[in-house]
């Protein structure tokens, strides 16, 4: 166990807070990106000309969902928070 001074403890708490804000921002960006991709996917038709773009959209959405899933699993393991 570390014996930290109140100032050192405050600095560590500030770093932790900053990291948490950055993580929350990244999560919001992933969610917003997936929302925009879903709207784009739903707005384009299903035909031979758009199938490659739809594939790209689905790949990116899956990648974002995997990242969000990893964050959720980490939260569950470290803080006991589950969704």
C-alpha atoms as a PDB file:
ATOM      1  CA  UNK A   1       0.000   0.000   0.000  1.00  0.00           C
ATOM      2  CA  UNK A   2       1.343   3.421  -0.944  1.00  0.00           C
ATOM      3  CA  UNK A   3       1.536   6.263   1.520  1.00  0.00           C
ATOM      4  CA  UNK A   4       0.700   9.229  -0.658  1.00  0.00           C
ATOM      5  CA  UNK A   5       0.446  12.808   0.454  1.00  0.00           C
ATOM      6  CA  UNK A   6      -2.903  14.544  -0.031  1.00  0.00           C
ATOM      7  CA  UNK A   7      -1.426  16.484  -2.957  1.00  0.00           C
ATOM      8  CA  UNK A   8      -0.180  13.309  -4.655  1.00  0.00           C
ATOM      9  CA  UNK A   9      -3.548  11.691  -4.114  1.00  0.00           C
ATOM     10  CA  UNK A  10      -5.301  14.711  -5.639  1.00  0.00           C
ATOM     11  CA  UNK A  11      -2.999  14.592  -8.667  1.00  0.00           C
ATOM     12  CA  UNK A  12      -3.719  10.880  -9.174  1.00  0.00           C
ATOM     13  CA  UNK A  13      -7.447  11.531  -8.862  1.00  0.00           C
ATOM     14  CA  UNK A  14      -7.177  14.313 -11.456  1.00  0.00           C
ATOM     15  CA  UNK A  15      -5.367  11.988 -13.882  1.00  0.00           C
ATOM     16  CA  UNK A  16      -8.006   9.322 -13.302  1.00  0.00           C
ATOM     17  CA  UNK A  17     -10.784  11.848 -13.907  1.00  0.00           C
ATOM     18  CA  UNK A  18      -9.147  13.043 -17.132  1.00  0.00           C
ATOM     19  CA  UNK A  19      -8.740   9.479 -18.383  1.00  0.00           C
ATOM     20  CA  UNK A  20     -12.378   8.754 -17.561  1.00  0.00           C
ATOM     21  CA  UNK A  21     -13.515  11.827 -19.499  1.00  0.00           C
ATOM     22  CA  UNK A  22     -11.432  10.792 -22.495  1.00  0.00           C
ATOM     23  CA  UNK A  23     -12.873   7.269 -22.389  1.00  0.00           C
ATOM     24  CA  UNK A  24     -16.421   8.633 -22.132  1.00  0.00           C
ATOM     25  CA  UNK A  25     -15.760  10.857 -25.156  1.00  0.00           C
ATOM     26  CA  UNK A  26     -14.450   7.910 -27.172  1.00  0.00           C
ATOM     27  CA  UNK A  27     -17.527   5.849 -26.260  1.00  0.00           C
ATOM     28  CA  UNK A  28     -19.830   8.694 -27.332  1.00  0.00           C
ATOM     29  CA  UNK A  29     -17.952   9.007 -30.618  1.00  0.00           C
ATOM     30  CA  UNK A  30     -18.341   5.282 -31.317  1.00  0.00           C
ATOM     31  CA  UNK A  31     -22.063   5.454 -30.578  1.00  0.00           C
ATOM     32  CA  UNK A  32     -22.562   8.575 -32.710  1.00  0.00           C
ATOM     33  CA  UNK A  33     -20.562   7.043 -35.566  1.00  0.00           C
ATOM     34  CA  UNK A  34     -22.655   3.883 -35.475  1.00  0.00           C
ATOM     35  CA  UNK A  35     -25.825   5.972 -35.457  1.00  0.00           C
ATOM     36  CA  UNK A  36     -24.697   7.897 -38.536  1.00  0.00           C
ATOM     37  CA  UNK A  37     -23.627   4.678 -40.275  1.00  0.00           C
ATOM     38  CA  UNK A  38     -26.988   3.063 -39.523  1.00  0.00           C
ATOM     39  CA  UNK A  39     -28.824   6.040 -41.010  1.00  0.00           C
ATOM     40  CA  UNK A  40     -26.598   5.937 -44.107  1.00  0.00           C
ATOM     41  CA  UNK A  41     -27.071   2.182 -44.496  1.00  0.00           C
ATOM     42  CA  UNK A  42     -30.836   2.530 -44.239  1.00  0.00           C
ATOM     43  CA  UNK A  43     -30.934   5.399 -46.734  1.00  0.00           C
ATOM     44  CA  UNK A  44     -29.108   3.663 -49.576  1.00  0.00           C
ATOM     45  CA  UNK A  45     -30.840   1.083 -51.691  1.00  0.00           C
ATOM     46  CA  UNK A  46     -29.917  -2.542 -52.104  1.00  0.00           C
ATOM     47  CA  UNK A  47     -28.570  -2.944 -55.598  1.00  0.00           C
ATOM     48  CA  UNK A  48     -25.340  -3.853 -57.328  1.00  0.00           C
ATOM     49  CA  UNK A  49     -23.961  -0.318 -57.210  1.00  0.00           C
ATOM     50  CA  UNK A  50     -24.330   0.175 -53.454  1.00  0.00           C
ATOM     51  CA  UNK A  51     -23.544  -3.297 -52.146  1.00  0.00           C
ATOM     52  CA  UNK A  52     -19.837  -2.548 -51.662  1.00  0.00           C
ATOM     53  CA  UNK A  53     -20.594   0.593 -49.625  1.00  0.00           C
ATOM     54  CA  UNK A  54     -23.091  -1.340 -47.506  1.00  0.00           C
ATOM     55  CA  UNK A  55     -20.380  -3.946 -46.835  1.00  0.00           C
ATOM     56  CA  UNK A  56     -17.960  -1.203 -45.753  1.00  0.00           C
ATOM     57  CA  UNK A  57     -20.587   0.257 -43.433  1.00  0.00           C
ATOM     58  CA  UNK A  58     -21.314  -3.123 -41.839  1.00  0.00           C
ATOM     59  CA  UNK A  59     -17.605  -3.823 -41.303  1.00  0.00           C
ATOM     60  CA  UNK A  60     -17.106  -0.472 -39.600  1.00  0.00           C
ATOM     61  CA  UNK A  61     -20.224  -0.943 -37.466  1.00  0.00           C
ATOM     62  CA  UNK A  62     -19.027  -4.384 -36.348  1.00  0.00           C
ATOM     63  CA  UNK A  63     -15.622  -2.976 -35.451  1.00  0.00           C
ATOM     64  CA  UNK A  64     -17.238  -0.213 -33.387  1.00  0.00           C
ATOM     65  CA  UNK A  65     -19.552  -2.691 -31.677  1.00  0.00           C
ATOM     66  CA  UNK A  66     -16.604  -4.911 -30.780  1.00  0.00           C
ATOM     67  CA  UNK A  67     -14.820  -1.935 -29.223  1.00  0.00           C
ATOM     68  CA  UNK A  68     -17.934  -1.054 -27.219  1.00  0.00           C
ATOM     69  CA  UNK A  69     -18.267  -4.674 -26.127  1.00  0.00           C
ATOM     70  CA  UNK A  70     -14.673  -4.701 -24.882  1.00  0.00           C
ATOM     71  CA  UNK A  71     -15.300  -1.521 -22.886  1.00  0.00           C
ATOM     72  CA  UNK A  72     -18.425  -3.069 -21.357  1.00  0.00           C
ATOM     73  CA  UNK A  73     -16.525  -6.234 -20.426  1.00  0.00           C
ATOM     74  CA  UNK A  74     -13.729  -4.205 -18.826  1.00  0.00           C
ATOM     75  CA  UNK A  75     -16.250  -2.196 -16.807  1.00  0.00           C
ATOM     76  CA  UNK A  76     -17.883  -5.394 -15.643  1.00  0.00           C
ATOM     77  CA  UNK A  77     -14.555  -6.928 -14.601  1.00  0.00           C
ATOM     78  CA  UNK A  78     -13.084  -3.867 -12.905  1.00  0.00           C
ATOM     79  CA  UNK A  79     -16.104  -2.116 -11.426  1.00  0.00           C
ATOM     80  CA  UNK A  80     -18.797  -4.765 -11.407  1.00  0.00           C
ATOM     81  CA  UNK A  81     -20.898  -2.655 -13.784  1.00  0.00           C
ATOM     82  CA  UNK A  82     -22.851  -4.715 -16.291  1.00  0.00           C
ATOM     83  CA  UNK A  83     -25.284  -3.714 -18.989  1.00  0.00           C
END
